Protein backbone atom coordinates (compact mmCIF):
# COMPACT_ATOMS: atom_id res chain seq x y z
CA MET A 1 18.42 49.82 -2.04
CA ILE A 2 15.76 49.26 -4.70
CA SER A 3 12.26 48.94 -3.22
CA ASP A 4 10.27 45.74 -3.78
CA SER A 5 7.89 47.44 -6.21
CA GLU A 6 10.79 48.78 -8.29
CA LEU A 7 12.84 45.56 -8.33
CA ASN A 8 12.95 43.66 -11.62
CA VAL A 9 13.83 39.97 -11.39
CA CYS A 10 14.35 37.45 -14.16
CA VAL A 11 14.08 33.75 -13.25
CA LEU A 12 15.52 31.38 -15.85
CA GLY A 13 13.75 28.01 -15.75
CA LEU A 14 10.12 27.58 -14.68
CA GLY A 15 10.27 24.02 -13.37
CA TYR A 16 9.66 22.59 -9.91
CA ILE A 17 11.97 25.17 -8.30
CA GLY A 18 11.96 28.09 -10.73
CA LEU A 19 8.21 28.66 -10.90
CA PRO A 20 7.57 28.58 -7.12
CA THR A 21 10.60 30.82 -6.60
CA ALA A 22 9.38 33.29 -9.21
CA ALA A 23 5.90 33.35 -7.67
CA VAL A 24 7.20 33.86 -4.12
CA ILE A 25 9.39 36.76 -5.26
CA ALA A 26 6.48 38.26 -7.22
CA ARG A 27 4.33 38.12 -4.09
CA THR A 28 6.66 40.69 -2.48
CA GLY A 29 5.65 43.21 -5.14
CA ALA A 30 8.70 42.80 -7.37
CA LYS A 31 8.21 42.59 -11.13
CA VAL A 32 9.23 39.08 -12.16
CA VAL A 33 9.69 37.58 -15.61
CA GLY A 34 10.09 33.82 -15.78
CA VAL A 35 11.96 32.54 -18.83
CA ASP A 36 11.49 29.01 -20.13
CA VAL A 37 12.35 27.20 -23.35
CA HIS A 38 8.98 25.44 -23.54
CA ALA A 39 6.19 27.43 -25.17
CA HIS A 40 3.44 25.49 -23.38
CA VAL A 41 4.98 26.39 -20.01
CA VAL A 42 5.06 30.08 -20.93
CA GLU A 43 1.46 29.97 -22.17
CA THR A 44 0.27 28.12 -19.07
CA VAL A 45 1.88 30.55 -16.63
CA ASN A 46 0.68 33.62 -18.54
CA SER A 47 -2.86 32.26 -18.31
CA GLY A 48 -2.48 32.19 -14.53
CA LYS A 49 -2.23 28.41 -14.35
CA VAL A 50 0.52 25.94 -13.43
CA HIS A 51 2.00 22.93 -15.20
CA ILE A 52 3.27 21.18 -12.07
CA GLU A 53 1.59 19.84 -8.94
CA GLU A 54 2.52 21.68 -5.76
CA ILE A 55 0.37 22.60 -2.79
CA ASP A 56 -1.05 26.16 -3.04
CA LEU A 57 1.10 27.02 -6.08
CA ASP A 58 -1.88 27.37 -8.43
CA GLY A 59 -3.53 30.02 -6.25
CA LEU A 60 -0.30 31.95 -5.76
CA VAL A 61 0.56 31.98 -9.47
CA SER A 62 -2.98 32.98 -10.40
CA GLY A 63 -2.83 35.91 -7.99
CA VAL A 64 0.58 37.32 -8.93
CA VAL A 65 -0.13 36.96 -12.66
CA ALA A 66 -3.46 38.75 -12.25
CA ARG A 67 -1.75 41.62 -10.39
CA GLY A 68 0.85 41.94 -13.14
CA ASN A 69 3.79 40.97 -10.94
CA LEU A 70 4.62 37.76 -12.81
CA ARG A 71 4.72 36.96 -16.48
CA ALA A 72 6.50 34.30 -18.51
CA SER A 73 8.56 34.66 -21.67
CA LEU A 74 10.57 32.63 -24.13
CA GLU A 75 13.14 35.42 -24.33
CA ILE A 76 15.55 36.88 -21.79
CA VAL A 77 14.75 40.39 -20.54
CA PRO A 78 16.83 43.02 -18.69
CA ALA A 79 16.54 42.85 -14.91
CA ASP A 80 18.24 43.84 -11.66
CA VAL A 81 18.55 40.25 -10.42
CA PHE A 82 18.88 37.08 -12.49
CA VAL A 83 18.10 33.73 -10.84
CA ILE A 84 19.22 30.65 -12.78
CA ALA A 85 17.15 27.58 -11.89
CA VAL A 86 17.66 25.22 -14.83
CA PRO A 87 18.29 21.44 -14.80
CA THR A 88 21.74 19.96 -14.16
CA PRO A 89 21.47 16.29 -15.24
CA PHE A 90 24.29 13.81 -15.51
CA GLY A 91 25.45 12.24 -18.76
CA ASP A 92 27.58 9.24 -19.65
CA ASN A 93 29.35 7.58 -16.71
CA HIS A 94 27.35 9.85 -14.39
CA ALA A 95 29.42 12.89 -15.40
CA PRO A 96 27.59 16.13 -14.55
CA ASP A 97 26.18 18.16 -17.42
CA ILE A 98 26.12 21.93 -16.79
CA GLY A 99 25.20 22.79 -20.36
CA HIS A 100 21.82 24.25 -19.38
CA VAL A 101 23.49 26.47 -16.78
CA LEU A 102 26.06 27.80 -19.24
CA LYS A 103 23.35 28.40 -21.86
CA ALA A 104 21.35 30.39 -19.30
CA ALA A 105 24.45 32.41 -18.38
CA THR A 106 25.07 33.09 -22.06
CA ASN A 107 21.57 34.52 -22.35
CA VAL A 108 22.04 36.62 -19.21
CA ALA A 109 25.22 38.10 -20.70
CA ILE A 110 23.18 39.59 -23.55
CA VAL A 111 21.25 41.94 -21.24
CA LEU A 112 23.64 42.22 -18.27
CA LYS A 113 24.45 45.72 -17.01
CA ALA A 114 26.47 47.27 -14.23
CA GLY A 115 24.82 46.84 -10.83
CA ASP A 116 23.09 43.55 -11.65
CA VAL A 117 23.18 40.43 -9.48
CA VAL A 118 23.45 36.94 -11.04
CA ILE A 119 22.53 34.04 -8.75
CA LEU A 120 22.83 30.37 -9.64
CA GLU A 121 20.35 28.15 -7.74
CA SER A 122 20.69 24.96 -9.79
CA THR A 123 22.39 22.14 -7.89
CA SER A 124 25.82 22.11 -9.51
CA PRO A 125 29.29 20.58 -9.33
CA VAL A 126 31.79 22.49 -7.23
CA GLY A 127 33.29 25.24 -9.38
CA THR A 128 30.24 25.86 -11.58
CA THR A 129 29.66 29.39 -10.26
CA GLU A 130 33.25 30.23 -11.15
CA LYS A 131 32.59 28.92 -14.67
CA VAL A 132 29.52 31.15 -14.92
CA ALA A 133 31.61 34.17 -13.90
CA GLN A 134 34.33 33.21 -16.37
CA LEU A 135 31.78 32.93 -19.18
CA LEU A 136 30.29 36.33 -18.33
CA ALA A 137 33.78 37.83 -18.36
CA GLN A 138 34.45 36.37 -21.81
CA LEU A 139 31.13 37.49 -23.26
CA ARG A 140 31.07 40.94 -21.63
CA PRO A 141 34.62 42.34 -21.56
CA ASP A 142 33.07 45.79 -21.10
CA LEU A 143 31.99 44.83 -17.58
CA LYS A 144 34.16 44.10 -14.55
CA ILE A 145 33.22 40.56 -13.46
CA PRO A 146 34.20 39.27 -9.98
CA GLY A 147 37.19 36.98 -10.09
CA HIS A 148 38.25 38.47 -13.42
CA CYS A 149 38.96 42.07 -12.53
CA THR A 150 40.86 44.28 -10.14
CA GLY A 151 39.03 46.46 -7.69
CA ALA A 152 35.26 46.46 -7.23
CA ALA A 153 33.30 44.45 -9.80
CA ASP A 154 30.42 45.92 -11.82
CA VAL A 155 28.13 42.94 -11.17
CA ALA A 156 27.72 40.37 -8.39
CA VAL A 157 27.80 36.61 -9.01
CA ALA A 158 26.67 34.17 -6.32
CA TYR A 159 25.39 30.67 -5.64
CA CYS A 160 22.40 29.86 -3.42
CA PRO A 161 20.97 26.34 -3.67
CA GLU A 162 17.36 25.54 -2.93
CA ARG A 163 16.64 23.24 0.04
CA VAL A 164 12.97 22.43 -0.33
CA LEU A 165 10.77 19.36 -0.02
CA PRO A 166 8.22 18.72 -2.78
CA GLY A 167 4.77 19.23 -1.32
CA ARG A 168 6.11 21.95 1.01
CA ILE A 169 8.01 24.12 -1.46
CA LEU A 170 6.17 27.39 -0.87
CA VAL A 171 6.60 27.09 2.90
CA GLU A 172 10.23 26.00 2.80
CA LEU A 173 11.31 28.62 0.25
CA ILE A 174 10.47 31.16 2.92
CA ASP A 175 11.18 29.41 6.21
CA ASN A 176 14.28 27.34 5.48
CA ASP A 177 17.77 28.68 6.10
CA ARG A 178 19.72 29.63 2.98
CA VAL A 179 23.43 29.24 2.29
CA ILE A 180 24.63 32.07 0.02
CA GLY A 181 28.04 31.71 -1.58
CA GLY A 182 29.58 34.65 -3.37
CA MET A 183 32.42 34.88 -5.82
CA THR A 184 33.60 37.54 -3.35
CA PRO A 185 32.29 38.57 0.07
CA ARG A 186 30.78 41.63 -1.58
CA CYS A 187 28.91 39.39 -4.04
CA ALA A 188 27.57 37.32 -1.15
CA ARG A 189 26.31 40.45 0.61
CA LYS A 190 24.55 41.63 -2.55
CA ALA A 191 22.77 38.29 -2.90
CA LEU A 192 21.99 38.28 0.83
CA GLN A 193 20.12 41.58 0.47
CA PHE A 194 18.00 40.03 -2.27
CA TYR A 195 17.06 36.88 -0.31
CA ARG A 196 16.19 38.85 2.81
CA ARG A 197 13.27 40.30 0.84
CA PHE A 198 11.36 37.01 0.99
CA VAL A 199 13.23 34.53 3.24
CA ARG A 200 12.38 34.32 6.97
CA GLY A 201 14.99 31.67 7.70
CA ALA A 202 18.60 32.50 8.47
CA CYS A 203 20.75 33.54 5.49
CA VAL A 204 24.38 32.56 5.96
CA THR A 205 27.10 33.80 3.63
CA THR A 206 30.17 31.87 2.51
CA SER A 207 32.21 31.25 -0.64
CA ALA A 208 30.61 29.99 -3.84
CA LYS A 209 32.56 26.71 -3.72
CA ALA A 210 31.60 26.06 -0.10
CA ALA A 211 27.92 26.69 -0.89
CA GLU A 212 28.07 24.35 -3.89
CA MET A 213 29.65 21.57 -1.86
CA THR A 214 27.20 22.13 1.00
CA LYS A 215 24.28 21.32 -1.27
CA LEU A 216 25.96 18.20 -2.65
CA SER A 217 26.91 17.08 0.86
CA GLU A 218 23.33 17.39 2.09
CA ASN A 219 22.01 15.13 -0.64
CA ALA A 220 24.88 12.64 -0.42
CA PHE A 221 24.25 12.38 3.34
CA ARG A 222 20.61 11.48 2.69
CA ASP A 223 21.59 8.99 0.00
CA VAL A 224 24.09 7.18 2.24
CA ASN A 225 21.53 6.87 5.05
CA ILE A 226 18.83 5.60 2.71
CA ALA A 227 21.32 3.09 1.31
CA PHE A 228 21.84 1.71 4.81
CA ALA A 229 18.09 1.21 5.21
CA ASN A 230 17.79 -0.41 1.77
CA GLU A 231 20.71 -2.73 2.42
CA LEU A 232 19.27 -3.63 5.81
CA SER A 233 16.00 -4.53 4.12
CA LEU A 234 17.80 -6.98 1.83
CA VAL A 235 19.46 -8.68 4.80
CA ALA A 236 16.16 -8.85 6.70
CA GLU A 237 14.38 -10.37 3.71
CA LYS A 238 17.06 -13.04 3.34
CA MET A 239 16.73 -13.91 7.03
CA GLY A 240 12.93 -13.93 6.97
CA VAL A 241 12.67 -10.99 9.35
CA ASP A 242 10.24 -8.07 9.08
CA VAL A 243 12.54 -5.10 8.40
CA TRP A 244 9.87 -2.58 9.43
CA GLU A 245 9.65 -4.19 12.86
CA VAL A 246 13.44 -4.18 13.17
CA ILE A 247 13.66 -0.50 12.27
CA ARG A 248 10.83 0.44 14.62
CA LEU A 249 12.57 -1.27 17.51
CA ALA A 250 16.08 -0.09 16.64
CA ASN A 251 14.87 3.51 16.50
CA ARG A 252 13.88 3.29 20.16
CA HIS A 253 17.60 3.64 20.85
CA PRO A 254 18.21 7.31 21.76
CA ARG A 255 21.01 7.70 19.19
CA VAL A 256 19.63 5.61 16.32
CA ASN A 257 17.38 6.94 13.57
CA ILE A 258 17.24 4.49 10.67
CA LEU A 259 15.32 5.81 7.67
CA SER A 260 12.64 3.88 5.82
CA PRO A 261 13.67 1.60 2.96
CA GLY A 262 11.91 1.65 -0.38
CA PRO A 263 12.24 0.52 -4.00
CA GLY A 264 15.23 2.79 -4.58
CA VAL A 265 15.88 6.53 -4.53
CA GLY A 266 14.40 9.06 -6.94
CA GLY A 267 14.05 12.75 -7.58
CA HIS A 268 16.41 15.11 -9.33
CA CYS A 269 18.47 15.75 -6.19
CA ILE A 270 19.32 12.69 -4.11
CA ALA A 271 19.48 10.28 -7.04
CA VAL A 272 21.74 12.60 -9.04
CA ASP A 273 23.79 14.98 -6.92
CA PRO A 274 26.05 12.47 -5.13
CA TRP A 275 27.48 11.56 -8.53
CA PHE A 276 28.78 15.14 -8.79
CA LEU A 277 31.02 14.50 -5.78
CA VAL A 278 32.07 11.10 -7.11
CA SER A 279 32.90 12.60 -10.49
CA ALA A 280 35.01 15.33 -8.87
CA ALA A 281 37.03 12.94 -6.68
CA PRO A 282 36.48 9.31 -7.76
CA ASP A 283 39.37 7.96 -5.68
CA LYS A 284 38.13 9.70 -2.52
CA THR A 285 34.45 8.75 -2.55
CA PRO A 286 34.05 4.95 -2.21
CA LEU A 287 31.27 5.31 0.38
CA ILE A 288 29.24 7.79 -1.67
CA ARG A 289 29.64 5.68 -4.81
CA THR A 290 28.64 2.50 -2.99
CA ALA A 291 25.54 4.17 -1.58
CA ARG A 292 24.48 5.14 -5.09
CA GLU A 293 25.06 1.59 -6.29
CA VAL A 294 23.10 0.10 -3.38
CA ASN A 295 20.12 2.36 -4.02
CA ASP A 296 20.16 1.77 -7.77
CA GLY A 297 20.57 -1.95 -7.14
CA LYS A 298 17.45 -1.96 -4.96
CA ILE A 299 15.42 -1.17 -8.08
CA GLU A 300 16.68 -4.34 -9.76
CA HIS A 301 15.94 -6.36 -6.63
CA VAL A 302 12.35 -5.10 -6.52
CA VAL A 303 11.87 -5.96 -10.19
CA ASP A 304 13.20 -9.50 -9.63
CA HIS A 305 11.03 -10.01 -6.55
CA ALA A 306 7.93 -8.73 -8.35
CA CYS A 307 8.60 -10.91 -11.39
CA ALA A 308 8.80 -13.97 -9.15
CA LEU A 309 5.32 -13.20 -7.83
CA VAL A 310 3.86 -12.66 -11.28
CA ASP A 311 5.55 -15.72 -12.81
CA ALA A 312 4.09 -17.92 -10.07
CA ASP A 313 0.60 -17.34 -11.53
CA PRO A 314 0.56 -16.93 -15.34
CA ARG A 315 -3.05 -15.68 -15.25
CA ALA A 316 -2.63 -13.09 -12.51
CA ARG A 317 -2.99 -9.38 -13.17
CA VAL A 318 -0.66 -7.06 -11.30
CA ALA A 319 -1.20 -3.47 -10.18
CA CYS A 320 1.78 -1.17 -9.69
CA LEU A 321 0.70 1.39 -7.10
CA GLY A 322 2.44 4.67 -7.79
CA LEU A 323 4.93 6.13 -10.27
CA ALA A 324 6.14 9.29 -8.52
CA PHE A 325 9.48 9.40 -6.73
CA LYS A 326 7.79 10.22 -3.40
CA ALA A 327 4.35 10.42 -1.88
CA ASN A 328 1.60 12.85 -2.87
CA ILE A 329 3.38 14.65 -5.74
CA ASP A 330 3.38 14.36 -9.53
CA ASP A 331 7.17 14.41 -9.96
CA PHE A 332 8.47 11.33 -11.80
CA ARG A 333 12.10 12.44 -12.22
CA GLU A 334 14.52 9.54 -11.62
CA SER A 335 11.64 7.69 -9.94
CA PRO A 336 12.44 4.10 -8.92
CA ALA A 337 8.72 3.36 -8.99
CA LEU A 338 8.55 4.39 -12.65
CA LYS A 339 11.58 2.22 -13.46
CA VAL A 340 10.06 -0.81 -11.72
CA ALA A 341 6.69 -0.32 -13.41
CA SER A 342 8.35 0.13 -16.81
CA ALA A 343 10.33 -3.08 -16.37
CA LEU A 344 7.22 -5.04 -15.43
CA ALA A 345 5.16 -3.53 -18.26
CA GLY A 346 7.91 -4.39 -20.71
CA ARG A 347 7.76 -8.00 -19.60
CA TYR A 348 4.05 -8.58 -18.92
CA ALA A 349 2.37 -5.90 -21.08
CA GLU A 350 -1.42 -5.88 -20.69
CA ARG A 351 -1.24 -7.94 -17.48
CA VAL A 352 0.09 -4.81 -15.78
CA ALA A 353 -2.14 -2.02 -14.48
CA ILE A 354 -0.75 1.30 -13.26
CA VAL A 355 -2.39 3.28 -10.46
CA GLU A 356 -1.06 6.83 -10.17
CA PRO A 357 -3.54 9.38 -8.78
CA TYR A 358 -1.24 12.26 -9.76
CA ALA A 359 -1.10 11.37 -13.47
CA ARG A 360 -3.73 12.06 -16.13
CA GLU A 361 -1.95 9.79 -18.59
CA LEU A 362 0.93 7.34 -18.55
CA PRO A 363 4.45 8.69 -19.03
CA ALA A 364 5.79 8.31 -22.56
CA LYS A 365 7.93 5.25 -21.78
CA LEU A 366 4.81 3.35 -20.67
CA GLN A 367 2.32 4.45 -23.31
CA THR A 368 3.25 1.75 -25.85
CA SER A 369 3.84 -1.02 -23.32
CA GLY A 370 0.31 -2.37 -23.18
CA ALA A 371 -0.07 -1.40 -19.53
CA GLN A 372 -3.18 0.57 -18.59
CA LEU A 373 -3.68 3.50 -16.22
CA ILE A 374 -6.58 2.70 -13.88
CA ASP A 375 -7.86 3.98 -10.55
CA ILE A 376 -7.32 2.24 -7.24
CA ASP A 377 -10.88 0.94 -6.97
CA SER A 378 -10.59 -0.75 -10.35
CA ALA A 379 -7.24 -2.23 -9.37
CA LEU A 380 -8.74 -3.72 -6.22
CA GLU A 381 -11.47 -5.32 -8.33
CA VAL A 382 -9.46 -6.80 -11.20
CA CYS A 383 -5.89 -7.29 -10.01
CA ASP A 384 -4.55 -10.27 -8.07
CA ILE A 385 -1.16 -8.83 -7.11
CA LEU A 386 -0.60 -5.40 -5.60
CA ILE A 387 2.91 -3.93 -5.68
CA VAL A 388 3.17 -0.80 -3.51
CA LEU A 389 5.86 1.45 -4.99
CA VAL A 390 4.80 4.86 -3.61
CA ASP A 391 3.23 5.63 -0.24
CA HIS A 392 0.52 7.98 -1.51
CA ASP A 393 -2.12 8.76 1.14
CA VAL A 394 -4.84 7.19 -1.00
CA PHE A 395 -3.02 3.85 -0.84
CA ARG A 396 -2.49 4.09 2.92
CA SER A 397 -6.24 4.53 3.38
CA ILE A 398 -7.18 1.12 1.93
CA PRO A 399 -8.40 -1.11 4.79
CA VAL A 400 -7.11 -4.63 5.16
CA ASP A 401 -10.40 -6.31 4.23
CA GLU A 402 -10.26 -4.76 0.73
CA ARG A 403 -6.87 -6.33 0.05
CA ALA A 404 -6.95 -9.43 2.21
CA ASP A 405 -7.36 -11.74 -0.80
CA LYS A 406 -4.50 -10.13 -2.75
CA GLN A 407 -0.86 -11.03 -2.97
CA VAL A 408 0.96 -7.94 -1.73
CA TYR A 409 4.52 -6.78 -2.24
CA ASP A 410 4.76 -3.64 -0.12
CA THR A 411 8.06 -1.88 -0.79
CA ARG A 412 7.07 1.08 1.41
CA GLY A 413 5.83 -0.67 4.53
CA ILE A 414 2.44 1.06 4.57
CA TRP A 415 0.37 -2.13 5.07
CA GLN A 416 1.84 -3.74 8.15
CA ASP A 417 -1.64 -5.04 9.02
CA GLN A 418 -1.58 -7.28 5.91
CA PRO A 419 -2.03 -10.95 6.84
CA ARG A 420 1.37 -12.56 7.33
CA PRO A 421 2.46 -15.40 5.03
CA THR A 422 2.77 -18.90 6.45
CA ALA A 423 6.17 -20.52 6.77
CA ARG A 424 5.74 -22.31 3.42
CA GLU A 425 4.69 -19.21 1.49
CA PRO A 426 7.13 -16.70 -0.04
CA LEU A 427 7.65 -13.56 2.00
CA ARG A 428 5.31 -10.94 0.53
CA LEU A 429 6.18 -7.89 2.57
CA ALA A 430 8.60 -5.49 1.05
CA SER A 431 12.28 -5.31 1.36
């Protein structure tokens, strides 16, 4: 077995998963090269800095870059292990797009040699790892690729999805269990040996297809449960009942654990991955599809509810509190908060203020809307309507007396001490 100090690893994609993964591997003493298509990302990492917000990542990257264990590049380099961590978005009709994965595999094929291990970490449709192996076999007929040869293969190909929570990525990369699916059992064992170098959690081996479906199942499970909470919030609002009180009481049942509703579902995983299962078996997934539709529909409901508040007072200014897809991070991917804020800014322009403590400037889709990025103290001074879209800690800390004279639409349920509306007033607490 190659020692940590002699191991060369190439991580393709330096985003929210790739960069922390590269840094954690580099901390073991391995020599890691992170490859990215964006020059500013490469320059930032090579300067010992980070381009994403994640707890303790800046210090880790600074340290491993300074020690010479991590560097970034625009070009693929030879390595012993290749980790593919590139985006897998969906396209028209929610069909999965694995183009970035196949492009990364094409680049790996250029420098691949006998004895190497290729691991796909990107959340992918079932069968993607097999497509990676097929592509490698086509591009490198001089090598024996698993699934496309007889006898022992020259290289190992495996799938191991990440299972981390933004804000806890560095901890969970190490402590969480990993599911490692190989094109063959031998491939899975090869990948297992690699992950044991830096993972403290259990590493369980299986087939590539089973590992791919495991990841999709985890995110679809979360999506379905969030959809129940969001649908429940709509029913409660129609009946004039406080959904947060209902959930708090229902969860006292020993076998009930209803999640918290919100303005929708965001992030690159839960808002995207269930569609991969629907796309693979559209006639077998009515529940998963409906959950996606419920959660996407919640965004439209929040926009309509917010517009009703703003239209009731043509002179009122409104503050949208938060743009990220979850609390205390700077990740806006598929964020329902961003979609709600964009819809309101498109309709009310300069009457809309945006408060996002994790943004230095507004995202591109908001920059020409007329909306302004302000801090929370300014919003409390000049805005009449507060729409809570993200439960950032800084918003939770605002005492009731600082917002008592505001109209509040709290889609996250963080201000349950807000004065209740009278029977003749519209319900202001969030659905």
